[in-house]
Amino acid sequence: DELVFDGHSMVVDPKGKLIAMAPGFEENFMVVDLPRPTGRLPKPLSTEEEIYKALVLGTRDYVRKNGFSRVVIGLSGGVDSALVAAIAADAIGPENVTGVFMPSPYSSADSREDAQAVARALGIEWRDIAITPIMKGFEKALADSFTGRAADITEENLQARIRGNIVMALSNKFGWLVLTTGNKSEMSTGYATLYGDMAGGFAVIRDVPKTMVYKLCRYRNRFGAGSSGPGRRDGDRAGSHRVFPERVLTKAPTAELRPGQKDTDSLPPYPLLDAILKEYIEDDRGAAQLSRNKKYKH
């Protein structure tokens, strides 16, 4: 569940020139006649296409090889869960994907509308399960213990954990695999709730930075709704309209766990954060080196 092998088996001549290459991210049988191979090399994949196909293949293999046939996703109306839903639909078919919208008092009408639009465009099942009554039950049960203390991150985390319980209950009852929706930027900075939005069986985009999430959504939008997507083996067919509404791609990221909340209340803007994380995690640069870089002054 950590690595995806891309394929792209290749043949080179004695001088190192590439003379044949198989397609990536799909099973293929390639016959090469030497010394004069025939056939064309496959068109190089763009960065977004390569990543998207890898995510689709990884998700499909994990689901199927672990004996699952259906997945469930907390669909919030945000960009991360929308991308995971699209990957799942392309990987195992939209008829095998359930998206669950779980509104709290802080969930906006726009979020509901956007989540529904994504579910409709993908053709996945939609469920709406409100968490407000459950929140009130927790507040009542904890009222005596919390006397004299103002609301803080505790109440925010309760919402995430309630949602985690709901999708896990659906998983247990129906045998569905829960796909979590946290991206690399959130996971790397601890901007996620243990036993809440981190609960699940497979974290599809855990190694995808937030800035790449947006790029992948725009890439997938090129194929449109009604398409089998770029990751399916039955080809790429243009759809009638986009999967992700423009508002999903342009609105300020927010967890909607308190009034007016924005991710930038707790984190730097994602382009800046992702640049720092790349140097820190992937390039192994320490805090002292990063602090000397003027472009990271925030």
C-alpha atoms as a PDB file:
ATOM      1  CA  ASP A   1       0.000   0.000   0.000  1.00  0.00           C
ATOM      2  CA  GLU A   2       3.032   2.318  -0.197  1.00  0.00           C
ATOM      3  CA  LEU A   3       4.408   1.879  -3.725  1.00  0.00           C
ATOM      4  CA  VAL A   4       2.951   1.904  -7.234  1.00  0.00           C
ATOM      5  CA  PHE A   5       5.019   0.358 -10.023  1.00  0.00           C
ATOM      6  CA  ASP A   6       4.531   2.331 -13.204  1.00  0.00           C
ATOM      7  CA  GLY A   7       5.355  -0.258 -15.883  1.00  0.00           C
ATOM      8  CA  HIS A   8       7.000   1.512 -18.841  1.00  0.00           C
ATOM      9  CA  SER A   9       9.185  -1.545 -19.524  1.00  0.00           C
ATOM     10  CA  MET A  10      11.815  -0.480 -22.033  1.00  0.00           C
ATOM     11  CA  VAL A  11      14.382  -1.750 -24.509  1.00  0.00           C
ATOM     12  CA  VAL A  12      17.552   0.165 -25.353  1.00  0.00           C
ATOM     13  CA  ASP A  13      20.201  -0.469 -27.994  1.00  0.00           C
ATOM     14  CA  PRO A  14      23.930  -0.954 -27.250  1.00  0.00           C
ATOM     15  CA  LYS A  15      24.430   2.815 -27.359  1.00  0.00           C
ATOM     16  CA  GLY A  16      21.736   3.433 -24.782  1.00  0.00           C
ATOM     17  CA  LYS A  17      19.135   4.750 -27.224  1.00  0.00           C
ATOM     18  CA  LEU A  18      15.565   3.984 -26.251  1.00  0.00           C
ATOM     19  CA  ILE A  19      14.021   1.847 -29.021  1.00  0.00           C
ATOM     20  CA  ALA A  20      10.863   0.467 -27.415  1.00  0.00           C
ATOM     21  CA  MET A  21       8.735   1.179 -24.348  1.00  0.00           C
ATOM     22  CA  ALA A  22       5.508  -0.329 -23.015  1.00  0.00           C
ATOM     23  CA  PRO A  23       2.642   1.837 -21.731  1.00  0.00           C
ATOM     24  CA  GLY A  24       2.536   2.861 -18.084  1.00  0.00           C
ATOM     25  CA  PHE A  25       0.053   1.987 -15.338  1.00  0.00           C
ATOM     26  CA  GLU A  26      -1.643  -0.828 -17.231  1.00  0.00           C
ATOM     27  CA  GLU A  27      -1.018  -4.472 -18.079  1.00  0.00           C
ATOM     28  CA  ASN A  28       0.540  -4.884 -21.503  1.00  0.00           C
ATOM     29  CA  PHE A  29       2.288  -7.493 -23.640  1.00  0.00           C
ATOM     30  CA  MET A  30       5.047  -6.049 -25.831  1.00  0.00           C
ATOM     31  CA  VAL A  31       6.953  -7.967 -28.497  1.00  0.00           C
ATOM     32  CA  VAL A  32      10.168  -6.382 -29.767  1.00  0.00           C
ATOM     33  CA  ASP A  33      11.927  -7.730 -32.881  1.00  0.00           C
ATOM     34  CA  LEU A  34      15.668  -7.180 -32.930  1.00  0.00           C
ATOM     35  CA  PRO A  35      17.841  -5.806 -34.378  1.00  0.00           C
ATOM     36  CA  ARG A  36      15.254  -3.588 -36.075  1.00  0.00           C
ATOM     37  CA  PRO A  37      12.341  -3.025 -33.738  1.00  0.00           C
ATOM     38  CA  THR A  38       9.161  -1.664 -35.211  1.00  0.00           C
ATOM     39  CA  GLY A  39       6.465   0.399 -33.632  1.00  0.00           C
ATOM     40  CA  ARG A  40       6.247   3.816 -32.022  1.00  0.00           C
ATOM     41  CA  LEU A  41       7.259   4.860 -28.568  1.00  0.00           C
ATOM     42  CA  PRO A  42       4.309   5.843 -26.339  1.00  0.00           C
ATOM     43  CA  LYS A  43       3.672   9.534 -25.884  1.00  0.00           C
ATOM     44  CA  PRO A  44       5.349  10.783 -22.681  1.00  0.00           C
ATOM     45  CA  LEU A  45       2.927  11.411 -19.844  1.00  0.00           C
ATOM     46  CA  SER A  46       2.580  14.833 -18.285  1.00  0.00           C
ATOM     47  CA  THR A  47       3.315  15.088 -14.561  1.00  0.00           C
ATOM     48  CA  GLU A  48      -0.388  15.362 -13.740  1.00  0.00           C
ATOM     49  CA  GLU A  49      -1.346  12.435 -15.993  1.00  0.00           C
ATOM     50  CA  GLU A  50       1.368  10.221 -14.530  1.00  0.00           C
ATOM     51  CA  ILE A  51       0.362  10.998 -10.932  1.00  0.00           C
ATOM     52  CA  TYR A  52      -3.349  10.601 -11.617  1.00  0.00           C
ATOM     53  CA  LYS A  53      -2.919   7.245 -13.335  1.00  0.00           C
ATOM     54  CA  ALA A  54      -0.684   6.059 -10.504  1.00  0.00           C
ATOM     55  CA  LEU A  55      -3.338   7.008  -7.937  1.00  0.00           C
ATOM     56  CA  VAL A  56      -6.076   5.253  -9.897  1.00  0.00           C
ATOM     57  CA  LEU A  57      -3.999   2.102 -10.318  1.00  0.00           C
ATOM     58  CA  GLY A  58      -2.932   2.080  -6.667  1.00  0.00           C
ATOM     59  CA  THR A  59      -6.508   2.519  -5.472  1.00  0.00           C
ATOM     60  CA  ARG A  60      -7.921  -0.116  -7.822  1.00  0.00           C
ATOM     61  CA  ASP A  61      -5.305  -2.688  -6.827  1.00  0.00           C
ATOM     62  CA  TYR A  62      -5.637  -2.029  -3.102  1.00  0.00           C
ATOM     63  CA  VAL A  63      -9.429  -2.318  -3.178  1.00  0.00           C
ATOM     64  CA  ARG A  64      -9.596  -5.418  -5.338  1.00  0.00           C
ATOM     65  CA  LYS A  65      -6.621  -7.309  -3.951  1.00  0.00           C
ATOM     66  CA  ASN A  66      -7.932  -6.873  -0.408  1.00  0.00           C
ATOM     67  CA  GLY A  67     -11.280  -8.361  -1.326  1.00  0.00           C
ATOM     68  CA  PHE A  68     -13.407  -5.206  -1.351  1.00  0.00           C
ATOM     69  CA  SER A  69     -15.885  -4.279  -4.047  1.00  0.00           C
ATOM     70  CA  ARG A  70     -17.166  -0.917  -2.798  1.00  0.00           C
ATOM     71  CA  VAL A  71     -15.778   2.172  -1.045  1.00  0.00           C
ATOM     72  CA  VAL A  72     -17.222   5.018   1.014  1.00  0.00           C
ATOM     73  CA  ILE A  73     -15.898   8.575   1.234  1.00  0.00           C
ATOM     74  CA  GLY A  74     -16.754  11.561   3.410  1.00  0.00           C
ATOM     75  CA  LEU A  75     -17.678  14.091   0.721  1.00  0.00           C
ATOM     76  CA  SER A  76     -17.354  17.569   2.206  1.00  0.00           C
ATOM     77  CA  GLY A  77     -17.671  19.861  -0.775  1.00  0.00           C
ATOM     78  CA  GLY A  78     -13.937  20.555  -0.644  1.00  0.00           C
ATOM     79  CA  VAL A  79     -11.307  19.822  -3.243  1.00  0.00           C
ATOM     80  CA  ASP A  80      -9.582  16.900  -1.480  1.00  0.00           C
ATOM     81  CA  SER A  81     -12.615  14.679  -1.034  1.00  0.00           C
ATOM     82  CA  ALA A  82     -13.800  15.577  -4.541  1.00  0.00           C
ATOM     83  CA  LEU A  83     -10.501  14.377  -6.020  1.00  0.00           C
ATOM     84  CA  VAL A  84     -10.575  11.141  -4.004  1.00  0.00           C
ATOM     85  CA  ALA A  85     -14.134  10.496  -5.198  1.00  0.00           C
ATOM     86  CA  ALA A  86     -13.089  10.966  -8.823  1.00  0.00           C
ATOM     87  CA  ILE A  87     -10.094   8.653  -8.419  1.00  0.00           C
ATOM     88  CA  ALA A  88     -12.290   6.007  -6.794  1.00  0.00           C
ATOM     89  CA  ALA A  89     -14.942   6.263  -9.501  1.00  0.00           C
ATOM     90  CA  ASP A  90     -12.320   5.902 -12.229  1.00  0.00           C
ATOM     91  CA  ALA A  91     -10.629   3.040 -10.392  1.00  0.00           C
ATOM     92  CA  ILE A  92     -13.555   0.757  -9.563  1.00  0.00           C
ATOM     93  CA  GLY A  93     -16.557   2.330 -11.266  1.00  0.00           C
ATOM     94  CA  PRO A  94     -18.944   5.012  -9.957  1.00  0.00           C
ATOM     95  CA  GLU A  95     -21.562   2.382  -9.134  1.00  0.00           C
ATOM     96  CA  ASN A  96     -19.202   1.124  -6.404  1.00  0.00           C
ATOM     97  CA  VAL A  97     -18.609   4.478  -4.676  1.00  0.00           C
ATOM     98  CA  THR A  98     -20.704   6.147  -1.954  1.00  0.00           C
ATOM     99  CA  GLY A  99     -20.146   9.758  -0.963  1.00  0.00           C
ATOM    100  CA  VAL A 100     -21.485  10.858   2.429  1.00  0.00           C
ATOM    101  CA  PHE A 101     -22.089  14.514   3.217  1.00  0.00           C
ATOM    102  CA  MET A 102     -22.110  15.042   7.001  1.00  0.00           C
ATOM    103  CA  PRO A 103     -23.078  18.654   7.719  1.00  0.00           C
ATOM    104  CA  SER A 104     -22.579  20.423  11.024  1.00  0.00           C
ATOM    105  CA  PRO A 105     -23.947  23.855  11.993  1.00  0.00           C
ATOM    106  CA  TYR A 106     -20.821  25.328  10.360  1.00  0.00           C
ATOM    107  CA  SER A 107     -21.262  23.634   6.981  1.00  0.00           C
ATOM    108  CA  SER A 108     -22.196  26.157   4.305  1.00  0.00           C
ATOM    109  CA  ALA A 109     -24.903  25.830   1.698  1.00  0.00           C
ATOM    110  CA  ASP A 110     -22.143  26.119  -0.913  1.00  0.00           C
ATOM    111  CA  SER A 111     -20.448  23.028   0.490  1.00  0.00           C
ATOM    112  CA  ARG A 112     -23.615  20.956   0.183  1.00  0.00           C
ATOM    113  CA  GLU A 113     -24.214  22.223  -3.335  1.00  0.00           C
ATOM    114  CA  ASP A 114     -20.628  21.512  -4.411  1.00  0.00           C
ATOM    115  CA  ALA A 115     -20.563  18.039  -2.874  1.00  0.00           C
ATOM    116  CA  GLN A 116     -23.833  17.157  -4.579  1.00  0.00           C
ATOM    117  CA  ALA A 117     -22.571  18.513  -7.893  1.00  0.00           C
ATOM    118  CA  VAL A 118     -19.451  16.330  -7.732  1.00  0.00           C
ATOM    119  CA  ALA A 119     -21.461  13.239  -6.777  1.00  0.00           C
ATOM    120  CA  ARG A 120     -23.935  13.902  -9.589  1.00  0.00           C
ATOM    121  CA  ALA A 121     -21.205  14.482 -12.169  1.00  0.00           C
ATOM    122  CA  LEU A 122     -19.384  11.299 -11.213  1.00  0.00           C
ATOM    123  CA  GLY A 123     -22.564   9.245 -10.943  1.00  0.00           C
ATOM    124  CA  ILE A 124     -21.777   7.960  -7.444  1.00  0.00           C
ATOM    125  CA  GLU A 125     -24.269   7.305  -4.657  1.00  0.00           C
ATOM    126  CA  TRP A 126     -24.998  10.307  -2.421  1.00  0.00           C
ATOM    127  CA  ARG A 127     -25.988  10.174   1.229  1.00  0.00           C
ATOM    128  CA  ASP A 128     -26.678  13.057   3.622  1.00  0.00           C
ATOM    129  CA  ILE A 129     -26.222  12.327   7.341  1.00  0.00           C
ATOM    130  CA  ALA A 130     -26.329  15.366   9.645  1.00  0.00           C
ATOM    131  CA  ILE A 131     -24.022  15.328  12.665  1.00  0.00           C
ATOM    132  CA  THR A 132     -25.661  18.215  14.586  1.00  0.00           C
ATOM    133  CA  PRO A 133     -27.815  15.970  16.839  1.00  0.00           C
ATOM    134  CA  ILE A 134     -24.762  13.878  17.695  1.00  0.00           C
ATOM    135  CA  MET A 135     -22.740  17.015  18.459  1.00  0.00           C
ATOM    136  CA  LYS A 136     -25.426  18.178  20.884  1.00  0.00           C
ATOM    137  CA  GLY A 137     -25.306  14.811  22.624  1.00  0.00           C
ATOM    138  CA  PHE A 138     -21.561  15.142  23.155  1.00  0.00           C
ATOM    139  CA  GLU A 139     -21.920  18.720  24.372  1.00  0.00           C
ATOM    140  CA  LYS A 140     -24.530  17.652  26.919  1.00  0.00           C
ATOM    141  CA  ALA A 141     -22.490  14.674  28.115  1.00  0.00           C
ATOM    142  CA  LEU A 142     -19.350  16.806  28.548  1.00  0.00           C
ATOM    143  CA  ALA A 143     -20.997  19.977  29.862  1.00  0.00           C
ATOM    144  CA  ASP A 144     -20.143  19.373  33.526  1.00  0.00           C
ATOM    145  CA  SER A 145     -16.549  18.407  32.769  1.00  0.00           C
ATOM    146  CA  PHE A 146     -16.037  21.436  30.515  1.00  0.00           C
ATOM    147  CA  THR A 147     -17.620  24.003  32.868  1.00  0.00           C
ATOM    148  CA  GLY A 148     -15.721  27.294  32.819  1.00  0.00           C
ATOM    149  CA  ARG A 149     -13.733  26.448  29.685  1.00  0.00           C
ATOM    150  CA  ALA A 150     -14.277  28.126  26.345  1.00  0.00           C
ATOM    151  CA  ALA A 151     -14.846  26.170  23.152  1.00  0.00           C
ATOM    152  CA  ASP A 152     -11.592  25.420  21.327  1.00  0.00           C
ATOM    153  CA  ILE A 153     -10.017  22.754  19.139  1.00  0.00           C
ATOM    154  CA  THR A 154     -11.655  20.106  21.339  1.00  0.00           C
ATOM    155  CA  GLU A 155     -15.078  20.816  19.867  1.00  0.00           C
ATOM    156  CA  GLU A 156     -13.582  20.991  16.374  1.00  0.00           C
ATOM    157  CA  ASN A 157     -11.999  17.572  16.733  1.00  0.00           C
ATOM    158  CA  LEU A 158     -15.255  16.102  18.045  1.00  0.00           C
ATOM    159  CA  GLN A 159     -16.887  16.931  14.725  1.00  0.00           C
ATOM    160  CA  ALA A 160     -14.187  15.151  12.755  1.00  0.00           C
ATOM    161  CA  ARG A 161     -14.410  12.123  15.056  1.00  0.00           C
ATOM    162  CA  ILE A 162     -18.182  11.945  14.732  1.00  0.00           C
ATOM    163  CA  ARG A 163     -17.777  11.859  10.964  1.00  0.00           C
ATOM    164  CA  GLY A 164     -15.109   9.197  11.293  1.00  0.00           C
ATOM    165  CA  ASN A 165     -17.508   7.075  13.340  1.00  0.00           C
ATOM    166  CA  ILE A 166     -20.241   7.412  10.731  1.00  0.00           C
ATOM    167  CA  VAL A 167     -18.145   6.294   7.756  1.00  0.00           C
ATOM    168  CA  MET A 168     -16.627   3.468   9.819  1.00  0.00           C
ATOM    169  CA  ALA A 169     -20.141   2.355  10.839  1.00  0.00           C
ATOM    170  CA  LEU A 170     -21.131   2.186   7.170  1.00  0.00           C
ATOM    171  CA  SER A 171     -17.936   0.257   6.501  1.00  0.00           C
ATOM    172  CA  ASN A 172     -18.652  -2.280   9.227  1.00  0.00           C
ATOM    173  CA  LYS A 173     -22.321  -2.682   8.333  1.00  0.00           C
ATOM    174  CA  PHE A 174     -21.933  -3.083   4.587  1.00  0.00           C
ATOM    175  CA  GLY A 175     -18.329  -4.213   4.155  1.00  0.00           C
ATOM    176  CA  TRP A 176     -17.262  -1.052   2.360  1.00  0.00           C
ATOM    177  CA  LEU A 177     -13.676   0.248   2.453  1.00  0.00           C
ATOM    178  CA  VAL A 178     -13.304   3.775   3.855  1.00  0.00           C
ATOM    179  CA  LEU A 179     -11.063   5.991   1.738  1.00  0.00           C
ATOM    180  CA  THR A 180      -9.584   8.885   3.707  1.00  0.00           C
ATOM    181  CA  THR A 181      -9.119  12.234   2.018  1.00  0.00           C
ATOM    182  CA  GLY A 182      -6.183  13.951   3.740  1.00  0.00           C
ATOM    183  CA  ASN A 183      -3.403  15.312   1.528  1.00  0.00           C
ATOM    184  CA  LYS A 184       0.348  15.411   2.148  1.00  0.00           C
ATOM    185  CA  SER A 185       0.378  19.059   3.204  1.00  0.00           C
ATOM    186  CA  GLU A 186      -2.142  18.417   5.991  1.00  0.00           C
ATOM    187  CA  MET A 187      -0.615  15.141   7.127  1.00  0.00           C
ATOM    188  CA  SER A 188       2.892  16.587   7.254  1.00  0.00           C
ATOM    189  CA  THR A 189       1.850  19.453   9.513  1.00  0.00           C
ATOM    190  CA  GLY A 190      -0.566  17.577  11.774  1.00  0.00           C
ATOM    191  CA  TYR A 191      -3.533  19.493  10.359  1.00  0.00           C
ATOM    192  CA  ALA A 192      -5.758  16.435  10.676  1.00  0.00           C
ATOM    193  CA  THR A 193      -7.714  14.752  13.470  1.00  0.00           C
ATOM    194  CA  LEU A 194      -6.649  11.409  14.881  1.00  0.00           C
ATOM    195  CA  TYR A 195      -9.625   8.988  14.877  1.00  0.00           C
ATOM    196  CA  GLY A 196     -11.476  11.552  12.739  1.00  0.00           C
ATOM    197  CA  ASP A 197     -10.585  12.454   9.174  1.00  0.00           C
ATOM    198  CA  MET A 198      -7.573  10.143   9.493  1.00  0.00           C
ATOM    199  CA  ALA A 199      -9.827   7.130  10.157  1.00  0.00           C
ATOM    200  CA  GLY A 200     -10.144   4.693   7.295  1.00  0.00           C
ATOM    201  CA  GLY A 201      -8.561   1.846   5.384  1.00  0.00           C
ATOM    202  CA  PHE A 202      -6.647   3.547   2.557  1.00  0.00           C
ATOM    203  CA  ALA A 203      -5.359   7.115   2.302  1.00  0.00           C
ATOM    204  CA  VAL A 204      -5.478   7.798  -1.433  1.00  0.00           C
ATOM    205  CA  ILE A 205      -3.769  11.209  -1.612  1.00  0.00           C
ATOM    206  CA  ARG A 206      -1.568  11.038   1.497  1.00  0.00           C
ATOM    207  CA  ASP A 207       1.510  11.677  -0.669  1.00  0.00           C
ATOM    208  CA  VAL A 208      -0.052  14.409  -2.829  1.00  0.00           C
ATOM    209  CA  PRO A 209       0.638  18.037  -1.799  1.00  0.00           C
ATOM    210  CA  LYS A 210      -2.318  20.413  -1.734  1.00  0.00           C
ATOM    211  CA  THR A 211      -1.052  22.408  -4.711  1.00  0.00           C
ATOM    212  CA  MET A 212      -0.872  19.204  -6.766  1.00  0.00           C
ATOM    213  CA  VAL A 213      -4.420  18.313  -5.677  1.00  0.00           C
ATOM    214  CA  TYR A 214      -5.667  21.381  -7.558  1.00  0.00           C
ATOM    215  CA  LYS A 215      -3.579  20.521 -10.626  1.00  0.00           C
ATOM    216  CA  LEU A 216      -4.943  16.974 -10.672  1.00  0.00           C
ATOM    217  CA  CYS A 217      -8.510  18.240 -10.446  1.00  0.00           C
ATOM    218  CA  ARG A 218      -7.990  20.576 -13.386  1.00  0.00           C
ATOM    219  CA  TYR A 219      -6.372  17.730 -15.310  1.00  0.00           C
ATOM    220  CA  ARG A 220      -9.328  15.418 -14.584  1.00  0.00           C
ATOM    221  CA  ASN A 221     -11.778  18.153 -15.582  1.00  0.00           C
ATOM    222  CA  ARG A 222     -10.410  17.990 -19.122  1.00  0.00           C
ATOM    223  CA  PHE A 223     -12.158  14.627 -19.519  1.00  0.00           C
ATOM    224  CA  GLY A 224     -15.437  15.855 -18.125  1.00  0.00           C
ATOM    225  CA  ALA A 225     -18.338  14.190 -16.410  1.00  0.00           C
ATOM    226  CA  GLY A 226     -19.751  11.140 -18.113  1.00  0.00           C
ATOM    227  CA  SER A 227     -16.198  10.049 -18.910  1.00  0.00           C
ATOM    228  CA  SER A 228     -14.551   6.874 -17.683  1.00  0.00           C
ATOM    229  CA  GLY A 229     -11.586   9.082 -16.856  1.00  0.00           C
ATOM    230  CA  PRO A 230      -7.935   8.934 -17.853  1.00  0.00           C
ATOM    231  CA  GLY A 231      -7.209   6.063 -15.494  1.00  0.00           C
ATOM    232  CA  ARG A 232      -9.671   3.485 -16.796  1.00  0.00           C
ATOM    233  CA  ARG A 233      -8.648   0.801 -19.240  1.00  0.00           C
ATOM    234  CA  ASP A 234     -11.629   1.315 -21.515  1.00  0.00           C
ATOM    235  CA  GLY A 235     -10.222   4.526 -22.925  1.00  0.00           C
ATOM    236  CA  ASP A 236     -10.639   8.266 -22.500  1.00  0.00           C
ATOM    237  CA  ARG A 237     -13.980   9.679 -23.588  1.00  0.00           C
ATOM    238  CA  ALA A 238     -14.804  13.349 -23.345  1.00  0.00           C
ATOM    239  CA  GLY A 239     -17.724  14.133 -21.079  1.00  0.00           C
ATOM    240  CA  SER A 240     -20.383  16.799 -21.361  1.00  0.00           C
ATOM    241  CA  HIS A 241     -19.245  18.999 -18.483  1.00  0.00           C
ATOM    242  CA  ARG A 242     -16.633  19.207 -15.789  1.00  0.00           C
ATOM    243  CA  VAL A 243     -16.504  16.974 -12.740  1.00  0.00           C
ATOM    244  CA  PHE A 244     -15.366  19.703 -10.353  1.00  0.00           C
ATOM    245  CA  PRO A 245     -17.292  22.997 -10.270  1.00  0.00           C
ATOM    246  CA  GLU A 246     -15.037  26.027 -10.563  1.00  0.00           C
ATOM    247  CA  ARG A 247     -15.969  27.103  -7.033  1.00  0.00           C
ATOM    248  CA  VAL A 248     -14.436  23.904  -5.619  1.00  0.00           C
ATOM    249  CA  LEU A 249     -11.155  24.900  -7.252  1.00  0.00           C
ATOM    250  CA  THR A 250     -11.169  28.568  -6.296  1.00  0.00           C
ATOM    251  CA  LYS A 251     -12.781  28.947  -2.858  1.00  0.00           C
ATOM    252  CA  ALA A 252     -10.517  29.364   0.157  1.00  0.00           C
ATOM    253  CA  PRO A 253      -9.751  25.971   1.755  1.00  0.00           C
ATOM    254  CA  THR A 254     -11.553  25.451   5.052  1.00  0.00           C
ATOM    255  CA  ALA A 255     -12.357  22.588   7.401  1.00  0.00           C
ATOM    256  CA  GLU A 256     -15.626  24.333   8.405  1.00  0.00           C
ATOM    257  CA  LEU A 257     -15.273  23.339  12.048  1.00  0.00           C
ATOM    258  CA  ARG A 258     -15.962  26.824  13.409  1.00  0.00           C
ATOM    259  CA  PRO A 259     -17.505  30.024  12.040  1.00  0.00           C
ATOM    260  CA  GLY A 260     -15.431  31.701   9.323  1.00  0.00           C
ATOM    261  CA  GLN A 261     -12.585  29.198   9.579  1.00  0.00           C
ATOM    262  CA  LYS A 262      -9.894  29.118   6.869  1.00  0.00           C
ATOM    263  CA  ASP A 263      -6.886  26.808   6.582  1.00  0.00           C
ATOM    264  CA  THR A 264      -4.637  29.876   6.511  1.00  0.00           C
ATOM    265  CA  ASP A 265      -5.697  30.600  10.110  1.00  0.00           C
ATOM    266  CA  SER A 266      -3.364  27.756  11.109  1.00  0.00           C
ATOM    267  CA  LEU A 267      -1.108  27.193   8.088  1.00  0.00           C
ATOM    268  CA  PRO A 268       0.865  29.306   5.621  1.00  0.00           C
ATOM    269  CA  PRO A 269      -0.645  29.613   2.132  1.00  0.00           C
ATOM    270  CA  TYR A 270      -0.330  26.227   0.463  1.00  0.00           C
ATOM    271  CA  PRO A 271       2.109  27.270  -2.309  1.00  0.00           C
ATOM    272  CA  LEU A 272       4.506  28.479   0.379  1.00  0.00           C
ATOM    273  CA  LEU A 273       3.875  25.508   2.685  1.00  0.00           C
ATOM    274  CA  ASP A 274       4.348  22.943  -0.080  1.00  0.00           C
ATOM    275  CA  ALA A 275       7.638  24.497  -1.147  1.00  0.00           C
ATOM    276  CA  ILE A 276       8.908  24.276   2.433  1.00  0.00           C
ATOM    277  CA  LEU A 277       7.686  20.695   2.857  1.00  0.00           C
ATOM    278  CA  LYS A 278       9.365  19.593  -0.368  1.00  0.00           C
ATOM    279  CA  GLU A 279      12.717  20.906   0.793  1.00  0.00           C
ATOM    280  CA  TYR A 280      12.278  19.575   4.332  1.00  0.00           C
ATOM    281  CA  ILE A 281      10.878  16.124   3.534  1.00  0.00           C
ATOM    282  CA  GLU A 282      12.155  15.262   0.072  1.00  0.00           C
ATOM    283  CA  ASP A 283      15.380  17.276  -0.165  1.00  0.00           C
ATOM    284  CA  ASP A 284      16.323  16.657   3.498  1.00  0.00           C
ATOM    285  CA  ARG A 285      17.049  20.289   4.330  1.00  0.00           C
ATOM    286  CA  GLY A 286      16.980  21.224   7.988  1.00  0.00           C
ATOM    287  CA  ALA A 287      15.291  24.077   9.800  1.00  0.00           C
ATOM    288  CA  ALA A 288      18.479  26.160   9.862  1.00  0.00           C
ATOM    289  CA  GLN A 289      18.845  25.933   6.077  1.00  0.00           C
ATOM    290  CA  LEU A 290      15.198  26.713   5.460  1.00  0.00           C
ATOM    291  CA  SER A 291      15.193  29.698   7.821  1.00  0.00           C
ATOM    292  CA  ARG A 292      17.970  31.325   5.783  1.00  0.00           C
ATOM    293  CA  ASN A 293      15.886  31.203   2.616  1.00  0.00           C
ATOM    294  CA  LYS A 294      14.341  34.633   2.143  1.00  0.00           C
ATOM    295  CA  LYS A 295      11.447  33.330   0.049  1.00  0.00           C
ATOM    296  CA  TYR A 296      10.103  31.524   3.117  1.00  0.00           C
ATOM    297  CA  LYS A 297       9.775  34.649   5.241  1.00  0.00           C
ATOM    298  CA  HIS A 298       6.073  34.814   6.090  1.00  0.00           C
END
